[in-house]
PDB file of N, CA and C in Angstrom:
ATOM      1  N   MET A   1      47.842  65.556 138.011  1.00  0.00           N
ATOM      2  CA  MET A   1      48.677  65.738 139.183  1.00  0.00           C
ATOM      3  C   MET A   1      48.134  66.898 139.991  1.00  0.00           C
ATOM      4  N   GLN A   2      48.274  66.828 141.265  1.00  0.00           N
ATOM      5  CA  GLN A   2      47.923  67.922 142.174  1.00  0.00           C
ATOM      6  C   GLN A   2      49.208  68.676 142.483  1.00  0.00           C
ATOM      7  N   ALA A   3      49.253  69.963 142.158  1.00  0.00           N
ATOM      8  CA  ALA A   3      50.440  70.782 142.391  1.00  0.00           C
ATOM      9  C   ALA A   3      50.209  71.686 143.598  1.00  0.00           C
ATOM     10  N   TYR A   4      51.292  71.998 144.308  1.00  0.00           N
ATOM     11  CA  TYR A   4      51.242  72.828 145.518  1.00  0.00           C
ATOM     12  C   TYR A   4      52.355  73.862 145.439  1.00  0.00           C
ATOM     13  N   ARG A   5      52.040  75.087 145.825  1.00  0.00           N
ATOM     14  CA  ARG A   5      53.044  76.150 145.936  1.00  0.00           C
ATOM     15  C   ARG A   5      52.784  76.936 147.212  1.00  0.00           C
ATOM     16  N   LEU A   6      53.848  77.440 147.811  1.00  0.00           N
ATOM     17  CA  LEU A   6      53.724  78.367 148.930  1.00  0.00           C
ATOM     18  C   LEU A   6      54.288  79.700 148.461  1.00  0.00           C
ATOM     19  N   LEU A   7      53.393  80.656 148.267  1.00  0.00           N
ATOM     20  CA  LEU A   7      53.795  81.982 147.819  1.00  0.00           C
ATOM     21  C   LEU A   7      54.181  82.826 149.032  1.00  0.00           C
ATOM     22  N   THR A   8      55.315  83.497 148.955  1.00  0.00           N
ATOM     23  CA  THR A   8      55.769  84.335 150.067  1.00  0.00           C
ATOM     24  C   THR A   8      56.313  85.648 149.529  1.00  0.00           C
ATOM     25  N   ASP A   9      56.258  86.656 150.350  1.00  0.00           N
ATOM     26  CA  ASP A   9      56.834  87.952 149.988  1.00  0.00           C
ATOM     27  C   ASP A   9      56.708  88.872 151.196  1.00  0.00           C
ATOM     28  N   GLU A  10      57.370  90.010 151.117  1.00  0.00           N
ATOM     29  CA  GLU A  10      57.190  91.012 152.163  1.00  0.00           C
ATOM     30  C   GLU A  10      55.757  91.516 152.125  1.00  0.00           C
ATOM     31  N   ASP A  11      55.320  92.084 153.218  1.00  0.00           N
ATOM     32  CA  ASP A  11      53.946  92.585 153.341  1.00  0.00           C
ATOM     33  C   ASP A  11      53.798  93.891 152.565  1.00  0.00           C
ATOM     34  N   THR A  12      53.717  93.748 151.237  1.00  0.00           N
ATOM     35  CA  THR A  12      53.510  94.892 150.345  1.00  0.00           C
ATOM     36  C   THR A  12      52.460  94.499 149.317  1.00  0.00           C
ATOM     37  N   SER A  13      52.111  95.416 148.455  1.00  0.00           N
ATOM     38  CA  SER A  13      51.148  95.096 147.407  1.00  0.00           C
ATOM     39  C   SER A  13      51.705  94.042 146.455  1.00  0.00           C
ATOM     40  N   ALA A  14      53.022  93.884 146.389  1.00  0.00           N
ATOM     41  CA  ALA A  14      53.632  92.868 145.518  1.00  0.00           C
ATOM     42  C   ALA A  14      53.152  91.473 145.913  1.00  0.00           C
ATOM     43  N   PHE A  15      52.983  91.236 147.208  1.00  0.00           N
ATOM     44  CA  PHE A  15      52.477  89.931 147.643  1.00  0.00           C
ATOM     45  C   PHE A  15      51.056  89.711 147.146  1.00  0.00           C
ATOM     46  N   CYS A  16      50.212  90.706 147.276  1.00  0.00           N
ATOM     47  CA  CYS A  16      48.827  90.591 146.797  1.00  0.00           C
ATOM     48  C   CYS A  16      48.790  90.361 145.295  1.00  0.00           C
ATOM     49  N   HIS A  17      49.657  91.037 144.556  1.00  0.00           N
ATOM     50  CA  HIS A  17      49.711  90.835 143.108  1.00  0.00           C
ATOM     51  C   HIS A  17      50.186  89.418 142.768  1.00  0.00           C
ATOM     52  N   LYS A  18      51.133  88.885 143.539  1.00  0.00           N
ATOM     53  CA  LYS A  18      51.623  87.525 143.303  1.00  0.00           C
ATOM     54  C   LYS A  18      50.502  86.507 143.498  1.00  0.00           C
ATOM     55  N   VAL A  19      49.720  86.654 144.566  1.00  0.00           N
ATOM     56  CA  VAL A  19      48.599  85.742 144.825  1.00  0.00           C
ATOM     57  C   VAL A  19      47.522  85.923 143.760  1.00  0.00           C
ATOM     58  N   THR A  20      47.210  87.156 143.407  1.00  0.00           N
ATOM     59  CA  THR A  20      46.198  87.425 142.385  1.00  0.00           C
ATOM     60  C   THR A  20      46.600  86.822 141.047  1.00  0.00           C
ATOM     61  N   ALA A  21      47.857  86.943 140.676  1.00  0.00           N
ATOM     62  CA  ALA A  21      48.338  86.354 139.415  1.00  0.00           C
ATOM     63  C   ALA A  21      48.162  84.837 139.425  1.00  0.00           C
ATOM     64  N   ALA A  22      48.487  84.192 140.551  1.00  0.00           N
ATOM     65  CA  ALA A  22      48.323  82.740 140.655  1.00  0.00           C
ATOM     66  C   ALA A  22      46.852  82.352 140.528  1.00  0.00           C
ATOM     67  N   LEU A  23      45.970  83.084 141.183  1.00  0.00           N
ATOM     68  CA  LEU A  23      44.534  82.794 141.097  1.00  0.00           C
ATOM     69  C   LEU A  23      44.037  82.921 139.662  1.00  0.00           C
ATOM     70  N   ASN A  24      44.543  83.894 138.936  1.00  0.00           N
ATOM     71  CA  ASN A  24      44.125  84.096 137.554  1.00  0.00           C
ATOM     72  C   ASN A  24      44.732  83.073 136.596  1.00  0.00           C
ATOM     73  N   LYS A  25      45.716  82.301 137.065  1.00  0.00           N
ATOM     74  CA  LYS A  25      46.271  81.203 136.271  1.00  0.00           C
ATOM     75  C   LYS A  25      45.659  79.867 136.676  1.00  0.00           C
ATOM     76  N   GLY A  26      44.603  79.911 137.494  1.00  0.00           N
ATOM     77  CA  GLY A  26      43.894  78.687 137.845  1.00  0.00           C
ATOM     78  C   GLY A  26      44.265  78.058 139.175  1.00  0.00           C
ATOM     79  N   TRP A  27      45.210  78.643 139.909  1.00  0.00           N
ATOM     80  CA  TRP A  27      45.548  78.138 141.233  1.00  0.00           C
ATOM     81  C   TRP A  27      44.414  78.492 142.189  1.00  0.00           C
ATOM     82  N   GLU A  28      44.240  77.688 143.238  1.00  0.00           N
ATOM     83  CA  GLU A  28      43.210  77.936 144.247  1.00  0.00           C
ATOM     84  C   GLU A  28      43.858  78.076 145.613  1.00  0.00           C
ATOM     85  N   LEU A  29      43.285  78.961 146.435  1.00  0.00           N
ATOM     86  CA  LEU A  29      43.803  79.131 147.796  1.00  0.00           C
ATOM     87  C   LEU A  29      43.692  77.833 148.558  1.00  0.00           C
ATOM     88  N   TYR A  30      44.704  77.552 149.383  1.00  0.00           N
ATOM     89  CA  TYR A  30      44.709  76.351 150.204  1.00  0.00           C
ATOM     90  C   TYR A  30      45.031  76.786 151.633  1.00  0.00           C
ATOM     91  N   GLY A  31      44.037  76.790 152.489  1.00  0.00           N
ATOM     92  CA  GLY A  31      44.248  77.214 153.869  1.00  0.00           C
ATOM     93  C   GLY A  31      44.283  78.724 154.011  1.00  0.00           C
ATOM     94  N   SER A  32      44.580  79.149 155.206  1.00  0.00           N
ATOM     95  CA  SER A  32      44.615  80.577 155.533  1.00  0.00           C
ATOM     96  C   SER A  32      45.994  81.160 155.275  1.00  0.00           C
ATOM     97  N   PRO A  33      46.076  82.458 155.015  1.00  0.00           N
ATOM     98  CA  PRO A  33      47.390  83.086 154.865  1.00  0.00           C
ATOM     99  C   PRO A  33      48.100  83.152 156.217  1.00  0.00           C
ATOM    100  N   SER A  34      49.413  83.284 156.150  1.00  0.00           N
ATOM    101  CA  SER A  34      50.230  83.437 157.351  1.00  0.00           C
ATOM    102  C   SER A  34      50.951  84.773 157.289  1.00  0.00           C
ATOM    103  N   TYR A  35      51.277  85.286 158.459  1.00  0.00           N
ATOM    104  CA  TYR A  35      51.887  86.595 158.589  1.00  0.00           C
ATOM    105  C   TYR A  35      52.898  86.495 159.717  1.00  0.00           C
ATOM    106  N   ALA A  36      54.158  86.836 159.452  1.00  0.00           N
ATOM    107  CA  ALA A  36      55.184  86.689 160.483  1.00  0.00           C
ATOM    108  C   ALA A  36      56.252  87.768 160.339  1.00  0.00           C
ATOM    109  N   TYR A  37      56.893  88.052 161.438  1.00  0.00           N
ATOM    110  CA  TYR A  37      57.981  89.027 161.470  1.00  0.00           C
ATOM    111  C   TYR A  37      59.286  88.348 161.093  1.00  0.00           C
ATOM    112  N   ASP A  38      60.010  88.926 160.133  1.00  0.00           N
ATOM    113  CA  ASP A  38      61.316  88.405 159.708  1.00  0.00           C
ATOM    114  C   ASP A  38      62.390  89.204 160.442  1.00  0.00           C
ATOM    115  N   HIS A  39      63.015  88.589 161.432  1.00  0.00           N
ATOM    116  CA  HIS A  39      64.014  89.275 162.254  1.00  0.00           C
ATOM    117  C   HIS A  39      65.234  89.692 161.431  1.00  0.00           C
ATOM    118  N   ALA A  40      65.576  88.919 160.409  1.00  0.00           N
ATOM    119  CA  ALA A  40      66.752  89.223 159.597  1.00  0.00           C
ATOM    120  C   ALA A  40      66.597  90.532 158.823  1.00  0.00           C
ATOM    121  N   THR A  41      65.386  90.813 158.353  1.00  0.00           N
ATOM    122  CA  THR A  41      65.167  92.028 157.559  1.00  0.00           C
ATOM    123  C   THR A  41      64.436  93.120 158.329  1.00  0.00           C
ATOM    124  N   GLY A  42      63.830  92.756 159.464  1.00  0.00           N
ATOM    125  CA  GLY A  42      63.064  93.716 160.240  1.00  0.00           C
ATOM    126  C   GLY A  42      61.726  94.060 159.599  1.00  0.00           C
ATOM    127  N   ARG A  43      61.210  93.160 158.762  1.00  0.00           N
ATOM    128  CA  ARG A  43      59.946  93.411 158.062  1.00  0.00           C
ATOM    129  C   ARG A  43      58.971  92.250 158.265  1.00  0.00           C
ATOM    130  N   MET A  44      57.716  92.555 158.047  1.00  0.00           N
ATOM    131  CA  MET A  44      56.691  91.516 158.095  1.00  0.00           C
ATOM    132  C   MET A  44      56.662  90.797 156.750  1.00  0.00           C
ATOM    133  N   ARG A  45      56.401  89.484 156.790  1.00  0.00           N
ATOM    134  CA  ARG A  45      56.296  88.674 155.577  1.00  0.00           C
ATOM    135  C   ARG A  45      54.961  87.944 155.582  1.00  0.00           C
ATOM    136  N   CYS A  46      54.450  87.702 154.385  1.00  0.00           N
ATOM    137  CA  CYS A  46      53.185  86.995 154.203  1.00  0.00           C
ATOM    138  C   CYS A  46      53.451  85.695 153.456  1.00  0.00           C
ATOM    139  N   ALA A  47      52.562  84.722 153.673  1.00  0.00           N
ATOM    140  CA  ALA A  47      52.629  83.454 152.949  1.00  0.00           C
ATOM    141  C   ALA A  47      51.209  82.969 152.679  1.00  0.00           C
ATOM    142  N   GLN A  48      51.008  82.384 151.501  1.00  0.00           N
ATOM    143  CA  GLN A  48      49.719  81.805 151.146  1.00  0.00           C
ATOM    144  C   GLN A  48      49.975  80.562 150.302  1.00  0.00           C
ATOM    145  N   ALA A  49      49.419  79.437 150.742  1.00  0.00           N
ATOM    146  CA  ALA A  49      49.521  78.209 149.969  1.00  0.00           C
ATOM    147  C   ALA A  49      48.450  78.205 148.887  1.00  0.00           C
ATOM    148  N   VAL A  50      48.805  77.660 147.717  1.00  0.00           N
ATOM    149  CA  VAL A  50      47.869  77.505 146.608  1.00  0.00           C
ATOM    150  C   VAL A  50      48.055  76.111 146.009  1.00  0.00           C
ATOM    151  N   VAL A  51      46.979  75.571 145.439  1.00  0.00           N
ATOM    152  CA  VAL A  51      47.020  74.262 144.796  1.00  0.00           C
ATOM    153  C   VAL A  51      46.369  74.353 143.425  1.00  0.00           C
ATOM    154  N   LYS A  52      46.712  73.381 142.561  1.00  0.00           N
ATOM    155  CA  LYS A  52      46.158  73.360 141.214  1.00  0.00           C
ATOM    156  C   LYS A  52      46.222  71.946 140.653  1.00  0.00           C
ATOM    157  N   GLN A  53      45.150  71.528 139.978  1.00  0.00           N
ATOM    158  CA  GLN A  53      45.161  70.281 139.229  1.00  0.00           C
ATOM    159  C   GLN A  53      45.832  70.572 137.893  1.00  0.00           C
ATOM    160  N   ALA A  54      46.775  69.731 137.497  1.00  0.00           N
ATOM    161  CA  ALA A  54      47.503  69.954 136.248  1.00  0.00           C
ATOM    162  C   ALA A  54      47.677  68.640 135.503  1.00  0.00           C
ATOM    163  N   GLU A  55      47.871  68.751 134.216  1.00  0.00           N
ATOM    164  CA  GLU A  55      48.108  67.578 133.365  1.00  0.00           C
ATOM    165  C   GLU A  55      49.456  66.952 133.698  1.00  0.00           C
ATOM    166  N   GLY A  56      49.571  65.668 133.425  1.00  0.00           N
ATOM    167  CA  GLY A  56      50.855  64.981 133.542  1.00  0.00           C
ATOM    168  C   GLY A  56      51.117  64.404 134.912  1.00  0.00           C
ATOM    169  N   ASP A  57      52.303  63.841 135.020  1.00  0.00           N
ATOM    170  CA  ASP A  57      52.757  63.221 136.263  1.00  0.00           C
ATOM    171  C   ASP A  57      53.768  64.131 136.940  1.00  0.00           C
ATOM    172  N   TYR A  58      53.801  64.057 138.250  1.00  0.00           N
ATOM    173  CA  TYR A  58      54.737  64.882 139.011  1.00  0.00           C
ATOM    174  C   TYR A  58      56.156  64.340 138.883  1.00  0.00           C
ATOM    175  N   SER A  59      57.110  65.240 138.783  1.00  0.00           N
ATOM    176  CA  SER A  59      58.524  64.940 138.946  1.00  0.00           C
ATOM    177  C   SER A  59      59.169  66.196 139.517  1.00  0.00           C
ATOM    178  N   ALA A  60      60.344  66.051 140.077  1.00  0.00           N
ATOM    179  CA  ALA A  60      61.032  67.196 140.668  1.00  0.00           C
ATOM    180  C   ALA A  60      61.434  68.226 139.614  1.00  0.00           C
ATOM    181  N   ASP A  61      61.355  67.869 138.338  1.00  0.00           N
ATOM    182  CA  ASP A  61      61.707  68.793 137.253  1.00  0.00           C
ATOM    183  C   ASP A  61      60.565  69.730 136.876  1.00  0.00           C
ATOM    184  N   VAL A  62      59.350  69.477 137.396  1.00  0.00           N
ATOM    185  CA  VAL A  62      58.191  70.321 137.074  1.00  0.00           C
ATOM    186  C   VAL A  62      58.441  71.737 137.585  1.00  0.00           C
ATOM    187  N   LYS A  63      58.249  72.723 136.720  1.00  0.00           N
ATOM    188  CA  LYS A  63      58.387  74.130 137.124  1.00  0.00           C
ATOM    189  C   LYS A  63      57.003  74.608 137.539  1.00  0.00           C
ATOM    190  N   LEU A  64      56.738  74.586 138.830  1.00  0.00           N
ATOM    191  CA  LEU A  64      55.405  74.874 139.355  1.00  0.00           C
ATOM    192  C   LEU A  64      54.911  76.264 138.961  1.00  0.00           C
ATOM    193  N   GLY A  65      55.770  77.233 138.895  1.00  0.00           N
ATOM    194  CA  GLY A  65      55.365  78.579 138.534  1.00  0.00           C
ATOM    195  C   GLY A  65      54.905  78.707 137.093  1.00  0.00           C
ATOM    196  N   GLU A  66      55.206  77.706 136.267  1.00  0.00           N
ATOM    197  CA  GLU A  66      54.812  77.737 134.858  1.00  0.00           C
ATOM    198  C   GLU A  66      53.533  76.970 134.585  1.00  0.00           C
ATOM    199  N   LEU A  67      52.949  76.335 135.612  1.00  0.00           N
ATOM    200  CA  LEU A  67      51.715  75.576 135.407  1.00  0.00           C
ATOM    201  C   LEU A  67      50.531  76.500 135.207  1.00  0.00           C
TER     202      LEU A  67
END
């Protein structure tokens, strides 16, 4: 199965650590990162899509963060 996740967080080192952790678990970057202003919090937010080939068939019960 091909798995997809969109990682998001505020523009802090925590976001970089989240992406780095995913890469070290075998996820691959998919496309360019995004950067946008969150009016509700008054902070910048980052997003990065990642993909991964995984065993099994997809279902809505798959916990993508555990792949």
